[in-house]
Amino acid sequence: MDRSDWHGVYSAITTKFDRDEHVDLAAVAADVSFQLDAGVHGIVCCGSLGEASTLTADEKLSIAAAAKETSAGRAPVILTIAEDSTRAAAQLAEEAAAIERAVEAVLAGGYRTPDLARPGETTVSTAAMGDAVVAALEPQGAGSKDSGGIARA
């Protein structure tokens, strides 16, 4: 993101959990939609003053991916990097950048979940969207314009 993109209000969202204390990605996505619909200019996930120290790297990356998918280019999504070592922080930043590229590749293909679809875009299930992002992360999926095996909803 270019420095000139920084403007307006960025909402630091809380991480949502289900009854079994697992990250609730559907609730995270709903919160991102709510925030964007309310007019915020960007989303910050996994803030440094709350759950950042208690989430695993995989959970943080899943939250960032869900927020990025839900944002669908409407606003920047920032993942807070607050790790216990420089090496861990660099690794998380690299993995987050790879996920961002994968999400952007899937979105560029015109695929959207029903809640985000606009006319002319292909509607897929949330699970299929997640599968497509994972496929885009795989070496053969990197940079591919293929749907990543998305099943239409």
Protein backbone atom coordinates (compact mmCIF):
# COMPACT_ATOMS: atom_id res chain seq x y z
CA MET A 1 0.00 0.00 0.00
CA ASP A 2 1.32 3.42 -0.94
CA ARG A 3 1.62 6.00 1.85
CA SER A 4 -0.88 8.21 0.02
CA ASP A 5 -3.56 5.56 0.71
CA TRP A 6 -3.51 6.38 4.43
CA HIS A 7 -6.53 8.55 5.15
CA GLY A 8 -9.71 8.52 7.19
CA VAL A 9 -10.74 6.17 9.97
CA TYR A 10 -9.23 2.69 10.43
CA SER A 11 -11.22 0.43 12.71
CA ALA A 12 -9.27 -1.95 14.96
CA ILE A 13 -11.61 -4.93 15.06
CA THR A 14 -11.75 -7.48 17.84
CA THR A 15 -11.26 -11.16 17.13
CA LYS A 16 -14.43 -13.19 17.39
CA PHE A 17 -14.45 -16.67 18.94
CA ASP A 18 -17.02 -19.45 18.97
CA ARG A 19 -18.21 -21.31 22.08
CA ASP A 20 -15.25 -23.70 21.82
CA GLU A 21 -12.80 -20.78 21.82
CA HIS A 22 -11.86 -21.22 18.16
CA VAL A 23 -11.60 -18.16 15.93
CA ASP A 24 -15.00 -17.55 14.32
CA LEU A 25 -14.05 -16.42 10.82
CA ALA A 26 -17.67 -15.92 9.76
CA ALA A 27 -18.14 -13.50 12.66
CA VAL A 28 -14.88 -11.74 11.75
CA ALA A 29 -16.14 -11.35 8.17
CA ALA A 30 -19.50 -10.04 9.42
CA ASP A 31 -17.72 -7.46 11.58
CA VAL A 32 -15.53 -6.32 8.67
CA SER A 33 -18.65 -5.92 6.50
CA PHE A 34 -20.37 -3.99 9.28
CA GLN A 35 -17.39 -1.67 9.72
CA LEU A 36 -17.02 -1.00 5.99
CA ASP A 37 -20.75 -0.46 5.54
CA ALA A 38 -20.55 2.08 8.39
CA GLY A 39 -17.95 4.04 6.42
CA VAL A 40 -14.54 3.22 7.88
CA HIS A 41 -11.63 3.63 5.48
CA GLY A 42 -9.59 0.63 6.61
CA ILE A 43 -9.47 -2.39 8.91
CA VAL A 44 -6.78 -3.31 11.45
CA CYS A 45 -6.91 -6.90 12.69
CA CYS A 46 -5.16 -8.70 15.55
CA GLY A 47 -4.32 -5.54 17.45
CA SER A 48 -1.23 -5.35 19.63
CA LEU A 49 -3.04 -4.50 22.86
CA GLY A 50 -5.46 -7.41 22.87
CA GLU A 51 -5.38 -10.88 21.46
CA ALA A 52 -2.20 -10.53 19.37
CA SER A 53 -0.12 -12.21 22.05
CA THR A 54 -2.55 -15.11 22.48
CA LEU A 55 -3.30 -16.03 18.86
CA THR A 56 -1.16 -18.42 16.84
CA ALA A 57 0.43 -17.23 13.61
CA ASP A 58 -2.00 -19.43 11.66
CA GLU A 59 -4.98 -17.88 13.45
CA LYS A 60 -3.69 -14.37 12.71
CA LEU A 61 -3.19 -15.23 9.05
CA SER A 62 -6.69 -16.75 8.83
CA ILE A 63 -8.20 -13.62 10.35
CA ALA A 64 -6.26 -11.39 7.94
CA ALA A 65 -7.34 -13.53 4.98
CA ALA A 66 -11.00 -13.42 6.06
CA ALA A 67 -10.81 -9.64 6.48
CA LYS A 68 -9.07 -9.20 3.11
CA GLU A 69 -11.61 -11.44 1.32
CA THR A 70 -14.49 -9.57 2.92
CA SER A 71 -13.00 -6.18 2.13
CA ALA A 72 -12.74 -7.24 -1.53
CA GLY A 73 -10.68 -4.18 -2.32
CA ARG A 74 -13.11 -1.70 -0.73
CA ALA A 75 -10.56 -0.70 1.91
CA PRO A 76 -7.05 -1.60 3.09
CA VAL A 77 -6.67 -4.38 5.64
CA ILE A 78 -3.73 -4.23 8.02
CA LEU A 79 -2.48 -7.18 10.07
CA THR A 80 -0.75 -6.09 13.25
CA ILE A 81 2.70 -7.67 13.53
CA ALA A 82 3.55 -7.89 17.25
CA GLU A 83 5.59 -11.05 17.67
CA ASP A 84 8.05 -12.15 20.33
CA SER A 85 11.08 -12.03 18.00
CA THR A 86 12.23 -10.25 14.88
CA ARG A 87 12.47 -13.59 13.06
CA ALA A 88 8.87 -14.49 13.95
CA ALA A 89 7.68 -11.01 12.93
CA ALA A 90 9.45 -11.22 9.57
CA GLN A 91 8.01 -14.70 8.92
CA LEU A 92 4.47 -13.56 9.76
CA ALA A 93 4.85 -10.51 7.50
CA GLU A 94 6.05 -12.71 4.61
CA GLU A 95 3.17 -15.14 5.07
CA ALA A 96 0.65 -12.28 5.30
CA ALA A 97 1.99 -10.79 2.06
CA ALA A 98 1.61 -14.18 0.32
CA ILE A 99 -1.99 -14.45 1.53
CA GLU A 100 -2.71 -10.92 0.31
CA ARG A 101 -1.42 -11.82 -3.15
CA ALA A 102 -3.50 -15.03 -3.16
CA VAL A 103 -6.70 -13.25 -2.11
CA GLU A 104 -6.15 -10.54 -4.71
CA ALA A 105 -5.63 -13.19 -7.41
CA VAL A 106 -8.91 -14.92 -6.52
CA LEU A 107 -10.79 -11.62 -6.34
CA ALA A 108 -9.29 -10.54 -9.68
CA GLY A 109 -10.91 -13.65 -11.17
CA GLY A 110 -14.30 -12.11 -10.32
CA TYR A 111 -15.15 -14.63 -7.61
CA ARG A 112 -17.14 -13.41 -4.62
CA THR A 113 -19.16 -14.90 -1.80
CA PRO A 114 -22.91 -14.13 -2.14
CA ASP A 115 -22.75 -11.26 0.37
CA LEU A 116 -20.11 -9.45 -1.72
CA ALA A 117 -21.16 -10.30 -5.27
CA ARG A 118 -21.92 -7.60 -7.79
CA PRO A 119 -23.48 -8.13 -11.22
CA GLY A 120 -21.19 -10.13 -13.52
CA GLU A 121 -19.18 -11.75 -10.72
CA THR A 122 -19.21 -15.46 -10.04
CA THR A 123 -20.81 -16.40 -6.72
CA VAL A 124 -19.12 -19.14 -4.70
CA SER A 125 -19.50 -20.49 -1.18
CA THR A 126 -17.32 -19.16 1.63
CA ALA A 127 -15.61 -22.56 1.85
CA ALA A 128 -14.93 -22.55 -1.88
CA MET A 129 -13.48 -19.04 -1.65
CA GLY A 130 -11.19 -20.19 1.14
CA ASP A 131 -10.17 -23.25 -0.86
CA ALA A 132 -9.36 -21.03 -3.85
CA VAL A 133 -7.14 -18.81 -1.72
CA VAL A 134 -5.33 -21.88 -0.37
CA ALA A 135 -4.92 -23.19 -3.94
CA ALA A 136 -3.51 -19.82 -5.01
CA LEU A 137 -0.95 -20.10 -2.20
CA GLU A 138 0.35 -23.39 -3.56
CA PRO A 139 3.32 -23.11 -5.95
CA GLN A 140 1.30 -24.26 -8.98
CA GLY A 141 -1.47 -21.79 -8.06
CA ALA A 142 0.80 -18.75 -7.68
CA GLY A 143 -0.08 -16.22 -10.31
CA SER A 144 -2.54 -18.59 -12.01
CA LYS A 145 -5.64 -17.08 -13.55
CA ASP A 146 -7.48 -20.37 -13.07
CA SER A 147 -10.31 -20.63 -10.55
CA GLY A 148 -8.29 -22.88 -8.25
CA GLY A 149 -10.99 -25.52 -8.50
CA ILE A 150 -13.75 -23.27 -7.17
CA ALA A 151 -17.17 -24.89 -7.19
CA ARG A 152 -19.86 -22.36 -7.97
CA ALA A 153 -22.54 -21.85 -5.32
